[in-house]
Amino acid sequence: MTLDKLRPGNACIVKRLTAIDKLGRRLMDMGFYPSLSLKVIRNAPLEDPMEVEMDGFFLSLRHEEARFVEVEQK
């Protein structure tokens, strides 16, 4: 399952990043890594972007980017 499929209130663990090149590097720089626990907080009114809580901070990212983060739901 990928992060973009989760709905607000769902928690998950990152399994792996499937993006390569610049996007893969950007996701790692934002704090995504295997075994990270995160929770989907909300989607914007038109579904994009989504807000997630991870490691004590909140982050917004597009569904287009979240599609490259494989997760396992808790």
PDB file of N, CA and C in Angstrom:
ATOM      1  N   MET A   1       0.847  -1.166   0.000  1.00  0.00           N
ATOM      2  CA  MET A   1       0.000   0.000   0.000  1.00  0.00           C
ATOM      3  C   MET A   1       0.899   1.237   0.000  1.00  0.00           C
ATOM      4  N   THR A   2       0.421   2.306  -0.582  1.00  0.00           N
ATOM      5  CA  THR A   2       1.198   3.537  -0.610  1.00  0.00           C
ATOM      6  C   THR A   2       0.545   4.603   0.260  1.00  0.00           C
ATOM      7  N   LEU A   3       1.331   5.570   0.669  1.00  0.00           N
ATOM      8  CA  LEU A   3       0.880   6.605   1.598  1.00  0.00           C
ATOM      9  C   LEU A   3      -0.302   7.402   1.045  1.00  0.00           C
ATOM     10  N   ASP A   4      -0.368   7.612  -0.235  1.00  0.00           N
ATOM     11  CA  ASP A   4      -1.458   8.409  -0.809  1.00  0.00           C
ATOM     12  C   ASP A   4      -2.824   7.744  -0.670  1.00  0.00           C
ATOM     13  N   LYS A   5      -2.875   6.449  -0.381  1.00  0.00           N
ATOM     14  CA  LYS A   5      -4.143   5.714  -0.240  1.00  0.00           C
ATOM     15  C   LYS A   5      -4.745   5.835   1.162  1.00  0.00           C
ATOM     16  N   LEU A   6      -3.951   6.261   2.139  1.00  0.00           N
ATOM     17  CA  LEU A   6      -4.446   6.345   3.516  1.00  0.00           C
ATOM     18  C   LEU A   6      -5.323   7.564   3.717  1.00  0.00           C
ATOM     19  N   ARG A   7      -6.258   7.446   4.608  1.00  0.00           N
ATOM     20  CA  ARG A   7      -7.201   8.506   4.930  1.00  0.00           C
ATOM     21  C   ARG A   7      -6.852   9.121   6.285  1.00  0.00           C
ATOM     22  N   PRO A   8      -7.349  10.318   6.570  1.00  0.00           N
ATOM     23  CA  PRO A   8      -7.071  10.957   7.859  1.00  0.00           C
ATOM     24  C   PRO A   8      -7.414  10.050   9.042  1.00  0.00           C
ATOM     25  N   GLY A   9      -6.524  10.057  10.025  1.00  0.00           N
ATOM     26  CA  GLY A   9      -6.698   9.234  11.212  1.00  0.00           C
ATOM     27  C   GLY A   9      -5.944   7.913  11.148  1.00  0.00           C
ATOM     28  N   ASN A  10      -5.522   7.501   9.967  1.00  0.00           N
ATOM     29  CA  ASN A  10      -4.797   6.234   9.817  1.00  0.00           C
ATOM     30  C   ASN A  10      -3.327   6.411  10.176  1.00  0.00           C
ATOM     31  N   ALA A  11      -2.784   5.423  10.866  1.00  0.00           N
ATOM     32  CA  ALA A  11      -1.368   5.413  11.217  1.00  0.00           C
ATOM     33  C   ALA A  11      -0.686   4.312  10.417  1.00  0.00           C
ATOM     34  N   CYS A  12       0.610   4.479  10.162  1.00  0.00           N
ATOM     35  CA  CYS A  12       1.326   3.488   9.365  1.00  0.00           C
ATOM     36  C   CYS A  12       2.819   3.529   9.680  1.00  0.00           C
ATOM     37  N   ILE A  13       3.523   2.558   9.106  1.00  0.00           N
ATOM     38  CA  ILE A  13       4.975   2.476   9.194  1.00  0.00           C
ATOM     39  C   ILE A  13       5.510   2.463   7.771  1.00  0.00           C
ATOM     40  N   VAL A  14       6.515   3.277   7.509  1.00  0.00           N
ATOM     41  CA  VAL A  14       7.120   3.331   6.181  1.00  0.00           C
ATOM     42  C   VAL A  14       7.918   2.058   5.952  1.00  0.00           C
ATOM     43  N   LYS A  15       7.666   1.398   4.840  1.00  0.00           N
ATOM     44  CA  LYS A  15       8.401   0.181   4.469  1.00  0.00           C
ATOM     45  C   LYS A  15       9.580   0.492   3.559  1.00  0.00           C
ATOM     46  N   ARG A  16       9.333   1.306   2.510  1.00  0.00           N
ATOM     47  CA  ARG A  16      10.426   1.696   1.622  1.00  0.00           C
ATOM     48  C   ARG A  16       9.989   2.847   0.735  1.00  0.00           C
ATOM     49  N   LEU A  17      10.971   3.507   0.147  1.00  0.00           N
ATOM     50  CA  LEU A  17      10.724   4.580  -0.810  1.00  0.00           C
ATOM     51  C   LEU A  17      11.009   4.033  -2.197  1.00  0.00           C
ATOM     52  N   THR A  18      10.090   4.238  -3.119  1.00  0.00           N
ATOM     53  CA  THR A  18      10.283   3.719  -4.472  1.00  0.00           C
ATOM     54  C   THR A  18      10.758   4.792  -5.440  1.00  0.00           C
ATOM     55  N   ALA A  19      10.829   6.034  -5.004  1.00  0.00           N
ATOM     56  CA  ALA A  19      11.273   7.131  -5.863  1.00  0.00           C
ATOM     57  C   ALA A  19      12.796   7.091  -6.013  1.00  0.00           C
ATOM     58  N   ILE A  20      13.244   7.548  -7.139  1.00  0.00           N
ATOM     59  CA  ILE A  20      14.687   7.640  -7.385  1.00  0.00           C
ATOM     60  C   ILE A  20      15.030   9.077  -7.773  1.00  0.00           C
ATOM     61  N   ASP A  21      16.295   9.342  -7.900  1.00  0.00           N
ATOM     62  CA  ASP A  21      16.797  10.648  -8.321  1.00  0.00           C
ATOM     63  C   ASP A  21      16.387  11.755  -7.351  1.00  0.00           C
ATOM     64  N   LYS A  22      15.960  12.889  -7.889  1.00  0.00           N
ATOM     65  CA  LYS A  22      15.684  14.074  -7.076  1.00  0.00           C
ATOM     66  C   LYS A  22      14.533  13.870  -6.098  1.00  0.00           C
ATOM     67  N   LEU A  23      13.451  13.231  -6.542  1.00  0.00           N
ATOM     68  CA  LEU A  23      12.303  13.041  -5.652  1.00  0.00           C
ATOM     69  C   LEU A  23      12.657  12.113  -4.493  1.00  0.00           C
ATOM     70  N   GLY A  24      13.371  11.038  -4.764  1.00  0.00           N
ATOM     71  CA  GLY A  24      13.793  10.131  -3.698  1.00  0.00           C
ATOM     72  C   GLY A  24      14.653  10.840  -2.666  1.00  0.00           C
ATOM     73  N   ARG A  25      15.567  11.664  -3.145  1.00  0.00           N
ATOM     74  CA  ARG A  25      16.439  12.431  -2.251  1.00  0.00           C
ATOM     75  C   ARG A  25      15.621  13.440  -1.439  1.00  0.00           C
ATOM     76  N   ARG A  26      14.655  14.075  -2.106  1.00  0.00           N
ATOM     77  CA  ARG A  26      13.808  15.065  -1.426  1.00  0.00           C
ATOM     78  C   ARG A  26      12.985  14.412  -0.320  1.00  0.00           C
ATOM     79  N   LEU A  27      12.409  13.246  -0.584  1.00  0.00           N
ATOM     80  CA  LEU A  27      11.634  12.547   0.442  1.00  0.00           C
ATOM     81  C   LEU A  27      12.515  12.184   1.637  1.00  0.00           C
ATOM     82  N   MET A  28      13.736  11.733   1.379  1.00  0.00           N
ATOM     83  CA  MET A  28      14.647  11.414   2.484  1.00  0.00           C
ATOM     84  C   MET A  28      15.013  12.677   3.258  1.00  0.00           C
ATOM     85  N   ASP A  29      15.235  13.780   2.551  1.00  0.00           N
ATOM     86  CA  ASP A  29      15.556  15.044   3.216  1.00  0.00           C
ATOM     87  C   ASP A  29      14.397  15.541   4.073  1.00  0.00           C
ATOM     88  N   MET A  30      13.161  15.227   3.679  1.00  0.00           N
ATOM     89  CA  MET A  30      11.991  15.622   4.465  1.00  0.00           C
ATOM     90  C   MET A  30      11.805  14.731   5.684  1.00  0.00           C
ATOM     91  N   GLY A  31      12.533  13.614   5.760  1.00  0.00           N
ATOM     92  CA  GLY A  31      12.470  12.775   6.951  1.00  0.00           C
ATOM     93  C   GLY A  31      11.852  11.408   6.759  1.00  0.00           C
ATOM     94  N   PHE A  32      11.524  11.014   5.534  1.00  0.00           N
ATOM     95  CA  PHE A  32      10.963   9.691   5.284  1.00  0.00           C
ATOM     96  C   PHE A  32      12.085   8.661   5.203  1.00  0.00           C
ATOM     97  N   TYR A  33      11.956   7.587   5.973  1.00  0.00           N
ATOM     98  CA  TYR A  33      12.925   6.498   5.957  1.00  0.00           C
ATOM     99  C   TYR A  33      12.217   5.223   6.422  1.00  0.00           C
ATOM    100  N   PRO A  34      12.737   4.061   6.072  1.00  0.00           N
ATOM    101  CA  PRO A  34      12.110   2.802   6.509  1.00  0.00           C
ATOM    102  C   PRO A  34      12.016   2.721   8.025  1.00  0.00           C
ATOM    103  N   SER A  35      10.930   2.191   8.519  1.00  0.00           N
ATOM    104  CA  SER A  35      10.576   1.984   9.930  1.00  0.00           C
ATOM    105  C   SER A  35      10.035   3.241  10.615  1.00  0.00           C
ATOM    106  N   LEU A  36       9.895   4.344   9.898  1.00  0.00           N
ATOM    107  CA  LEU A  36       9.317   5.565  10.449  1.00  0.00           C
ATOM    108  C   LEU A  36       7.822   5.369  10.682  1.00  0.00           C
ATOM    109  N   SER A  37       7.348   5.759  11.861  1.00  0.00           N
ATOM    110  CA  SER A  37       5.907   5.738  12.153  1.00  0.00           C
ATOM    111  C   SER A  37       5.344   7.113  11.851  1.00  0.00           C
ATOM    112  N   LEU A  38       4.199   7.131  11.198  1.00  0.00           N
ATOM    113  CA  LEU A  38       3.551   8.401  10.918  1.00  0.00           C
ATOM    114  C   LEU A  38       2.044   8.246  10.931  1.00  0.00           C
ATOM    115  N   LYS A  39       1.358   9.377  10.995  1.00  0.00           N
ATOM    116  CA  LYS A  39      -0.106   9.384  11.037  1.00  0.00           C
ATOM    117  C   LYS A  39      -0.612  10.434  10.055  1.00  0.00           C
ATOM    118  N   VAL A  40      -1.633  10.086   9.288  1.00  0.00           N
ATOM    119  CA  VAL A  40      -2.248  11.037   8.371  1.00  0.00           C
ATOM    120  C   VAL A  40      -3.200  11.906   9.187  1.00  0.00           C
ATOM    121  N   ILE A  41      -2.994  13.206   9.143  1.00  0.00           N
ATOM    122  CA  ILE A  41      -3.796  14.138   9.933  1.00  0.00           C
ATOM    123  C   ILE A  41      -5.004  14.624   9.143  1.00  0.00           C
ATOM    124  N   ARG A  42      -4.770  15.114   7.933  1.00  0.00           N
ATOM    125  CA  ARG A  42      -5.886  15.618   7.126  1.00  0.00           C
ATOM    126  C   ARG A  42      -5.497  15.755   5.663  1.00  0.00           C
ATOM    127  N   ASN A  43      -6.519  15.855   4.831  1.00  0.00           N
ATOM    128  CA  ASN A  43      -6.357  16.193   3.420  1.00  0.00           C
ATOM    129  C   ASN A  43      -6.920  17.594   3.229  1.00  0.00           C
ATOM    130  N   ALA A  44      -6.361  18.322   2.297  1.00  0.00           N
ATOM    131  CA  ALA A  44      -6.912  19.640   1.961  1.00  0.00           C
ATOM    132  C   ALA A  44      -8.307  19.445   1.361  1.00  0.00           C
ATOM    133  N   PRO A  45      -9.113  20.482   1.299  1.00  0.00           N
ATOM    134  CA  PRO A  45     -10.483  20.349   0.792  1.00  0.00           C
ATOM    135  C   PRO A  45     -10.593  19.682  -0.581  1.00  0.00           C
ATOM    136  N   LEU A  46      -9.638  19.885  -1.435  1.00  0.00           N
ATOM    137  CA  LEU A  46      -9.661  19.244  -2.757  1.00  0.00           C
ATOM    138  C   LEU A  46      -8.750  18.024  -2.803  1.00  0.00           C
ATOM    139  N   GLU A  47      -8.474  17.448  -1.625  1.00  0.00           N
ATOM    140  CA  GLU A  47      -7.680  16.225  -1.452  1.00  0.00           C
ATOM    141  C   GLU A  47      -6.173  16.405  -1.594  1.00  0.00           C
ATOM    142  N   ASP A  48      -5.679  17.534  -2.007  1.00  0.00           N
ATOM    143  CA  ASP A  48      -4.245  17.686  -2.195  1.00  0.00           C
ATOM    144  C   ASP A  48      -3.823  19.039  -1.665  1.00  0.00           C
ATOM    145  N   PRO A  49      -2.848  19.196  -0.838  1.00  0.00           N
ATOM    146  CA  PRO A  49      -1.941  18.180  -0.296  1.00  0.00           C
ATOM    147  C   PRO A  49      -2.521  17.488   0.940  1.00  0.00           C
ATOM    148  N   MET A  50      -1.753  16.535   1.443  1.00  0.00           N
ATOM    149  CA  MET A  50      -2.130  15.838   2.667  1.00  0.00           C
ATOM    150  C   MET A  50      -1.149  16.247   3.768  1.00  0.00           C
ATOM    151  N   GLU A  51      -1.616  16.222   5.011  1.00  0.00           N
ATOM    152  CA  GLU A  51      -0.761  16.565   6.142  1.00  0.00           C
ATOM    153  C   GLU A  51      -0.523  15.303   6.964  1.00  0.00           C
ATOM    154  N   VAL A  52       0.743  15.053   7.297  1.00  0.00           N
ATOM    155  CA  VAL A  52       1.096  13.897   8.116  1.00  0.00           C
ATOM    156  C   VAL A  52       1.885  14.368   9.336  1.00  0.00           C
ATOM    157  N   GLU A  53       1.797  13.586  10.406  1.00  0.00           N
ATOM    158  CA  GLU A  53       2.574  13.853  11.615  1.00  0.00           C
ATOM    159  C   GLU A  53       3.617  12.765  11.732  1.00  0.00           C
ATOM    160  N   MET A  54       4.881  13.175  11.872  1.00  0.00           N
ATOM    161  CA  MET A  54       5.973  12.211  11.988  1.00  0.00           C
ATOM    162  C   MET A  54       7.098  12.800  12.821  1.00  0.00           C
ATOM    163  N   ASP A  55       7.651  11.998  13.692  1.00  0.00           N
ATOM    164  CA  ASP A  55       8.756  12.432  14.559  1.00  0.00           C
ATOM    165  C   ASP A  55       8.491  13.756  15.263  1.00  0.00           C
ATOM    166  N   GLY A  56       7.239  14.004  15.665  1.00  0.00           N
ATOM    167  CA  GLY A  56       6.922  15.195  16.429  1.00  0.00           C
ATOM    168  C   GLY A  56       6.704  16.461  15.623  1.00  0.00           C
ATOM    169  N   PHE A  57       6.651  16.382  14.295  1.00  0.00           N
ATOM    170  CA  PHE A  57       6.347  17.563  13.497  1.00  0.00           C
ATOM    171  C   PHE A  57       5.336  17.225  12.414  1.00  0.00           C
ATOM    172  N   PHE A  58       4.771  18.258  11.832  1.00  0.00           N
ATOM    173  CA  PHE A  58       3.761  18.094  10.793  1.00  0.00           C
ATOM    174  C   PHE A  58       4.359  18.461   9.447  1.00  0.00           C
ATOM    175  N   LEU A  59       3.964  17.719   8.434  1.00  0.00           N
ATOM    176  CA  LEU A  59       4.514  17.915   7.091  1.00  0.00           C
ATOM    177  C   LEU A  59       3.388  17.777   6.078  1.00  0.00           C
ATOM    178  N   SER A  60       3.382  18.649   5.090  1.00  0.00           N
ATOM    179  CA  SER A  60       2.414  18.548   4.001  1.00  0.00           C
ATOM    180  C   SER A  60       3.130  18.080   2.751  1.00  0.00           C
ATOM    181  N   LEU A  61       2.514  17.141   2.053  1.00  0.00           N
ATOM    182  CA  LEU A  61       3.070  16.705   0.786  1.00  0.00           C
ATOM    183  C   LEU A  61       1.957  16.335  -0.176  1.00  0.00           C
ATOM    184  N   ARG A  62       2.279  16.418  -1.440  1.00  0.00           N
ATOM    185  CA  ARG A  62       1.292  16.126  -2.484  1.00  0.00           C
ATOM    186  C   ARG A  62       1.051  14.630  -2.574  1.00  0.00           C
ATOM    187  N   HIS A  63      -0.142  14.260  -3.015  1.00  0.00           N
ATOM    188  CA  HIS A  63      -0.452  12.846  -3.226  1.00  0.00           C
ATOM    189  C   HIS A  63       0.468  12.260  -4.288  1.00  0.00           C
ATOM    190  N   GLU A  64       0.861  13.077  -5.242  1.00  0.00           N
ATOM    191  CA  GLU A  64       1.785  12.650  -6.298  1.00  0.00           C
ATOM    192  C   GLU A  64       3.118  12.190  -5.699  1.00  0.00           C
ATOM    193  N   GLU A  65       3.580  12.845  -4.643  1.00  0.00           N
ATOM    194  CA  GLU A  65       4.816  12.463  -3.964  1.00  0.00           C
ATOM    195  C   GLU A  65       4.574  11.286  -3.019  1.00  0.00           C
ATOM    196  N   ALA A  66       3.435  11.288  -2.339  1.00  0.00           N
ATOM    197  CA  ALA A  66       3.114  10.232  -1.373  1.00  0.00           C
ATOM    198  C   ALA A  66       2.972   8.870  -2.056  1.00  0.00           C
ATOM    199  N   ARG A  67       2.720   8.874  -3.341  1.00  0.00           N
ATOM    200  CA  ARG A  67       2.578   7.626  -4.102  1.00  0.00           C
ATOM    201  C   ARG A  67       3.874   6.803  -4.109  1.00  0.00           C
ATOM    202  N   PHE A  68       5.005   7.442  -3.834  1.00  0.00           N
ATOM    203  CA  PHE A  68       6.300   6.763  -3.852  1.00  0.00           C
ATOM    204  C   PHE A  68       6.751   6.280  -2.473  1.00  0.00           C
ATOM    205  N   VAL A  69       5.880   6.390  -1.464  1.00  0.00           N
ATOM    206  CA  VAL A  69       6.198   5.935  -0.113  1.00  0.00           C
ATOM    207  C   VAL A  69       5.350   4.704   0.185  1.00  0.00           C
ATOM    208  N   GLU A  70       5.981   3.524   0.231  1.00  0.00           N
ATOM    209  CA  GLU A  70       5.255   2.294   0.556  1.00  0.00           C
ATOM    210  C   GLU A  70       5.147   2.174   2.067  1.00  0.00           C
ATOM    211  N   VAL A  71       3.933   1.866   2.538  1.00  0.00           N
ATOM    212  CA  VAL A  71       3.673   1.800   3.980  1.00  0.00           C
ATOM    213  C   VAL A  71       2.924   0.528   4.338  1.00  0.00           C
ATOM    214  N   GLU A  72       2.940   0.243   5.625  1.00  0.00           N
ATOM    215  CA  GLU A  72       2.148  -0.851   6.198  1.00  0.00           C
ATOM    216  C   GLU A  72       1.273  -0.237   7.271  1.00  0.00           C
ATOM    217  N   GLN A  73      -0.023  -0.398   7.140  1.00  0.00           N
ATOM    218  CA  GLN A  73      -0.954   0.196   8.099  1.00  0.00           C
ATOM    219  C   GLN A  73      -0.842  -0.481   9.451  1.00  0.00           C
ATOM    220  N   LYS A  74      -0.915   0.320  10.538  1.00  0.00           N
ATOM    221  CA  LYS A  74      -0.849  -0.219  11.899  1.00  0.00           C
ATOM    222  C   LYS A  74      -2.154  -0.817  12.301  1.00  0.00           C
TER     223      LYS A  74
END
